[in-house]
């Protein structure tokens, strides 16, 4: 993909993608957690056991990173035709960038989700997780594109 064919993906499309991803994850892990712990799982507070940790924390992390490495996008981002790429080159992000980006989400969420909302105001539509990992979210241009995409090392 050439930079002139792309646009940065803004806040609201990314919110939609996150909602899609959340629904898909819940559709997978919800029935499994109910199968392991029964209906009372949903009324408990805190961690219930090892499968809770595995399904609620480890599985989503691994699935997200695997999608980013293999497809450059989670299913939600695929639904909006977006890809996460290296901000400098436009190439697919590395595995270490993917891992770093995943954990940088926690940093971005700490101060009242400010790092997530940052996407709405940033010139390149980068949240703090994107800035920390050196990534941008792009897709093919629509008819009336916003800010042109620029990769420094292309």
C-alpha atoms as a PDB file:
ATOM      1  CA  UNK A   1       0.000   0.000   0.000  1.00  0.00           C
ATOM      2  CA  UNK A   2       1.291   3.434  -0.934  1.00  0.00           C
ATOM      3  CA  UNK A   3       0.805   6.256   1.563  1.00  0.00           C
ATOM      4  CA  UNK A   4      -1.116   8.389  -0.951  1.00  0.00           C
ATOM      5  CA  UNK A   5      -3.747   5.629  -1.217  1.00  0.00           C
ATOM      6  CA  UNK A   6      -4.377   5.590   2.550  1.00  0.00           C
ATOM      7  CA  UNK A   7      -6.081   7.576   5.285  1.00  0.00           C
ATOM      8  CA  UNK A   8      -5.746   7.437   9.050  1.00  0.00           C
ATOM      9  CA  UNK A   9      -8.649   5.762  10.805  1.00  0.00           C
ATOM     10  CA  UNK A  10     -10.287   8.023  13.357  1.00  0.00           C
ATOM     11  CA  UNK A  11     -11.876   7.594  16.742  1.00  0.00           C
ATOM     12  CA  UNK A  12     -15.446   6.476  15.952  1.00  0.00           C
ATOM     13  CA  UNK A  13     -14.599   3.776  13.393  1.00  0.00           C
ATOM     14  CA  UNK A  14     -12.074   2.397  15.874  1.00  0.00           C
ATOM     15  CA  UNK A  15     -14.702   2.411  18.636  1.00  0.00           C
ATOM     16  CA  UNK A  16     -16.946   0.385  16.321  1.00  0.00           C
ATOM     17  CA  UNK A  17     -14.110  -2.062  15.656  1.00  0.00           C
ATOM     18  CA  UNK A  18     -13.478  -2.434  19.397  1.00  0.00           C
ATOM     19  CA  UNK A  19     -17.165  -3.161  20.004  1.00  0.00           C
ATOM     20  CA  UNK A  20     -17.109  -5.875  17.326  1.00  0.00           C
ATOM     21  CA  UNK A  21     -13.988  -7.423  18.879  1.00  0.00           C
ATOM     22  CA  UNK A  22     -15.495  -7.312  22.369  1.00  0.00           C
ATOM     23  CA  UNK A  23     -18.693  -9.013  21.221  1.00  0.00           C
ATOM     24  CA  UNK A  24     -16.722 -11.749  19.426  1.00  0.00           C
ATOM     25  CA  UNK A  25     -14.498 -12.400  22.454  1.00  0.00           C
ATOM     26  CA  UNK A  26     -17.547 -12.561  24.746  1.00  0.00           C
ATOM     27  CA  UNK A  27     -19.274 -14.982  22.361  1.00  0.00           C
ATOM     28  CA  UNK A  28     -16.256 -17.281  22.651  1.00  0.00           C
ATOM     29  CA  UNK A  29     -15.299 -17.009  26.316  1.00  0.00           C
ATOM     30  CA  UNK A  30     -18.778 -16.472  27.820  1.00  0.00           C
ATOM     31  CA  UNK A  31     -20.068 -19.988  27.145  1.00  0.00           C
ATOM     32  CA  UNK A  32     -16.712 -21.507  28.132  1.00  0.00           C
ATOM     33  CA  UNK A  33     -16.662 -19.679  31.475  1.00  0.00           C
ATOM     34  CA  UNK A  34     -20.261 -20.751  32.096  1.00  0.00           C
ATOM     35  CA  UNK A  35     -19.350 -24.352  31.233  1.00  0.00           C
ATOM     36  CA  UNK A  36     -16.422 -24.341  33.687  1.00  0.00           C
ATOM     37  CA  UNK A  37     -17.969 -22.380  36.556  1.00  0.00           C
ATOM     38  CA  UNK A  38     -21.737 -22.495  36.043  1.00  0.00           C
ATOM     39  CA  UNK A  39     -24.217 -19.627  35.913  1.00  0.00           C
ATOM     40  CA  UNK A  40     -23.074 -18.343  39.308  1.00  0.00           C
ATOM     41  CA  UNK A  41     -19.830 -17.238  37.661  1.00  0.00           C
ATOM     42  CA  UNK A  42     -21.607 -14.141  36.372  1.00  0.00           C
ATOM     43  CA  UNK A  43     -22.611 -13.007  39.863  1.00  0.00           C
ATOM     44  CA  UNK A  44     -19.124 -13.425  41.381  1.00  0.00           C
ATOM     45  CA  UNK A  45     -16.704 -10.559  41.824  1.00  0.00           C
ATOM     46  CA  UNK A  46     -13.013 -11.051  41.171  1.00  0.00           C
ATOM     47  CA  UNK A  47     -11.230 -14.032  39.692  1.00  0.00           C
ATOM     48  CA  UNK A  48     -12.941 -17.398  40.049  1.00  0.00           C
ATOM     49  CA  UNK A  49     -10.077 -19.744  39.183  1.00  0.00           C
ATOM     50  CA  UNK A  50      -7.332 -20.649  36.730  1.00  0.00           C
ATOM     51  CA  UNK A  51      -9.666 -21.017  33.729  1.00  0.00           C
ATOM     52  CA  UNK A  52     -10.973 -17.532  34.449  1.00  0.00           C
ATOM     53  CA  UNK A  53      -7.443 -16.131  34.132  1.00  0.00           C
ATOM     54  CA  UNK A  54      -6.763 -18.219  31.033  1.00  0.00           C
ATOM     55  CA  UNK A  55      -9.988 -17.326  29.222  1.00  0.00           C
ATOM     56  CA  UNK A  56     -10.511 -13.753  30.406  1.00  0.00           C
ATOM     57  CA  UNK A  57      -6.941 -12.469  30.206  1.00  0.00           C
ATOM     58  CA  UNK A  58      -4.519 -14.778  28.412  1.00  0.00           C
ATOM     59  CA  UNK A  59      -6.748 -15.882  25.501  1.00  0.00           C
ATOM     60  CA  UNK A  60      -7.770 -12.323  24.445  1.00  0.00           C
ATOM     61  CA  UNK A  61      -4.149 -11.132  24.654  1.00  0.00           C
ATOM     62  CA  UNK A  62      -2.790 -14.010  22.573  1.00  0.00           C
ATOM     63  CA  UNK A  63      -5.650 -13.850  20.048  1.00  0.00           C
ATOM     64  CA  UNK A  64      -5.222 -10.107  19.552  1.00  0.00           C
ATOM     65  CA  UNK A  65      -1.462 -10.326  19.088  1.00  0.00           C
ATOM     66  CA  UNK A  66      -1.775 -13.296  16.702  1.00  0.00           C
ATOM     67  CA  UNK A  67      -4.333 -11.385  14.587  1.00  0.00           C
ATOM     68  CA  UNK A  68      -2.097  -8.309  14.479  1.00  0.00           C
ATOM     69  CA  UNK A  69       0.950 -10.353  13.450  1.00  0.00           C
ATOM     70  CA  UNK A  70      -0.825 -12.517  10.860  1.00  0.00           C
ATOM     71  CA  UNK A  71      -3.545 -10.191   9.502  1.00  0.00           C
ATOM     72  CA  UNK A  72      -2.453  -6.707  10.651  1.00  0.00           C
ATOM     73  CA  UNK A  73      -5.908  -6.339  12.199  1.00  0.00           C
ATOM     74  CA  UNK A  74      -8.364  -7.876  14.610  1.00  0.00           C
ATOM     75  CA  UNK A  75     -11.740  -8.980  13.200  1.00  0.00           C
ATOM     76  CA  UNK A  76     -13.241  -5.614  14.200  1.00  0.00           C
ATOM     77  CA  UNK A  77     -10.564  -3.697  12.318  1.00  0.00           C
ATOM     78  CA  UNK A  78     -10.990  -6.065   9.356  1.00  0.00           C
ATOM     79  CA  UNK A  79     -14.719  -5.221   9.361  1.00  0.00           C
ATOM     80  CA  UNK A  80     -13.868  -1.541   8.843  1.00  0.00           C
ATOM     81  CA  UNK A  81     -11.060  -2.378   6.356  1.00  0.00           C
ATOM     82  CA  UNK A  82      -8.361  -1.024   8.673  1.00  0.00           C
ATOM     83  CA  UNK A  83      -4.830  -2.263   9.300  1.00  0.00           C
ATOM     84  CA  UNK A  84      -2.301  -1.516  12.008  1.00  0.00           C
ATOM     85  CA  UNK A  85       1.093  -0.738  10.494  1.00  0.00           C
ATOM     86  CA  UNK A  86       4.492   0.580  11.522  1.00  0.00           C
ATOM     87  CA  UNK A  87       4.219   4.383  11.724  1.00  0.00           C
ATOM     88  CA  UNK A  88       7.646   4.970  10.151  1.00  0.00           C
ATOM     89  CA  UNK A  89       7.587   2.572   7.212  1.00  0.00           C
ATOM     90  CA  UNK A  90       3.987   1.505   6.603  1.00  0.00           C
ATOM     91  CA  UNK A  91       5.128  -2.109   6.800  1.00  0.00           C
ATOM     92  CA  UNK A  92       3.380  -4.671   9.013  1.00  0.00           C
ATOM     93  CA  UNK A  93       4.233  -4.161  12.666  1.00  0.00           C
ATOM     94  CA  UNK A  94       6.707  -6.552  14.218  1.00  0.00           C
ATOM     95  CA  UNK A  95       5.803  -9.137  16.832  1.00  0.00           C
ATOM     96  CA  UNK A  96       7.475  -6.998  19.504  1.00  0.00           C
ATOM     97  CA  UNK A  97       5.508  -3.952  18.369  1.00  0.00           C
ATOM     98  CA  UNK A  98       2.325  -6.033  18.592  1.00  0.00           C
ATOM     99  CA  UNK A  99       3.100  -7.195  22.119  1.00  0.00           C
ATOM    100  CA  UNK A 100       4.127  -3.691  23.160  1.00  0.00           C
ATOM    101  CA  UNK A 101       0.987  -2.193  21.610  1.00  0.00           C
ATOM    102  CA  UNK A 102      -1.235  -4.641  23.487  1.00  0.00           C
ATOM    103  CA  UNK A 103       0.294  -3.801  26.866  1.00  0.00           C
ATOM    104  CA  UNK A 104       0.411  -0.085  26.024  1.00  0.00           C
ATOM    105  CA  UNK A 105      -3.401  -0.157  25.972  1.00  0.00           C
ATOM    106  CA  UNK A 106      -3.254  -0.476  29.768  1.00  0.00           C
ATOM    107  CA  UNK A 107      -1.105   2.665  29.990  1.00  0.00           C
ATOM    108  CA  UNK A 108      -3.517   4.469  27.647  1.00  0.00           C
ATOM    109  CA  UNK A 109      -6.499   3.517  29.813  1.00  0.00           C
ATOM    110  CA  UNK A 110      -5.046   4.464  33.204  1.00  0.00           C
ATOM    111  CA  UNK A 111      -5.750   8.207  33.286  1.00  0.00           C
ATOM    112  CA  UNK A 112      -9.524   8.037  32.650  1.00  0.00           C
ATOM    113  CA  UNK A 113      -9.037   6.532  29.171  1.00  0.00           C
ATOM    114  CA  UNK A 114      -7.267   9.723  28.029  1.00  0.00           C
ATOM    115  CA  UNK A 115      -4.781   7.752  25.921  1.00  0.00           C
ATOM    116  CA  UNK A 116      -7.648   6.096  24.033  1.00  0.00           C
ATOM    117  CA  UNK A 117      -9.575   9.360  23.522  1.00  0.00           C
ATOM    118  CA  UNK A 118      -6.331  10.885  22.222  1.00  0.00           C
ATOM    119  CA  UNK A 119      -7.137   9.276  18.854  1.00  0.00           C
ATOM    120  CA  UNK A 120      -9.916  11.846  18.365  1.00  0.00           C
ATOM    121  CA  UNK A 121      -7.526  14.800  18.631  1.00  0.00           C
ATOM    122  CA  UNK A 122      -4.214  13.565  17.252  1.00  0.00           C
ATOM    123  CA  UNK A 123      -3.133  14.653  13.758  1.00  0.00           C
ATOM    124  CA  UNK A 124      -2.247  11.056  12.819  1.00  0.00           C
ATOM    125  CA  UNK A 125      -5.150   9.557  14.826  1.00  0.00           C
ATOM    126  CA  UNK A 126      -2.728   7.810  17.178  1.00  0.00           C
ATOM    127  CA  UNK A 127      -3.696   6.815  20.684  1.00  0.00           C
ATOM    128  CA  UNK A 128      -1.010   6.556  23.323  1.00  0.00           C
ATOM    129  CA  UNK A 129      -0.794   2.819  22.632  1.00  0.00           C
ATOM    130  CA  UNK A 130       0.004   3.634  18.976  1.00  0.00           C
ATOM    131  CA  UNK A 131       2.581   6.254  19.933  1.00  0.00           C
ATOM    132  CA  UNK A 132       4.288   3.923  22.417  1.00  0.00           C
ATOM    133  CA  UNK A 133       4.387   1.047  19.895  1.00  0.00           C
ATOM    134  CA  UNK A 134       5.242   3.229  16.872  1.00  0.00           C
ATOM    135  CA  UNK A 135       2.097   2.264  14.929  1.00  0.00           C
ATOM    136  CA  UNK A 136      -0.754   3.888  13.017  1.00  0.00           C
ATOM    137  CA  UNK A 137      -4.136   2.550  11.942  1.00  0.00           C
ATOM    138  CA  UNK A 138      -4.849   3.100   8.237  1.00  0.00           C
ATOM    139  CA  UNK A 139      -7.248   2.061   5.492  1.00  0.00           C
ATOM    140  CA  UNK A 140      -7.791   2.801   1.829  1.00  0.00           C
ATOM    141  CA  UNK A 141      -8.935   6.356   1.204  1.00  0.00           C
ATOM    142  CA  UNK A 142     -12.588   7.185   1.073  1.00  0.00           C
ATOM    143  CA  UNK A 143     -13.780   9.883  -1.340  1.00  0.00           C
ATOM    144  CA  UNK A 144     -13.184  12.778   1.053  1.00  0.00           C
ATOM    145  CA  UNK A 145     -10.102  11.860   2.988  1.00  0.00           C
ATOM    146  CA  UNK A 146      -8.824  13.742   5.999  1.00  0.00           C
ATOM    147  CA  UNK A 147      -5.144  14.058   6.832  1.00  0.00           C
ATOM    148  CA  UNK A 148      -2.827  12.413   4.287  1.00  0.00           C
ATOM    149  CA  UNK A 149      -0.803   9.476   5.563  1.00  0.00           C
ATOM    150  CA  UNK A 150       2.935  10.043   5.834  1.00  0.00           C
ATOM    151  CA  UNK A 151       5.510   7.327   6.499  1.00  0.00           C
ATOM    152  CA  UNK A 152       8.923   8.795   7.316  1.00  0.00           C
ATOM    153  CA  UNK A 153      11.027   5.899   5.999  1.00  0.00           C
ATOM    154  CA  UNK A 154       9.260   4.872   2.854  1.00  0.00           C
END
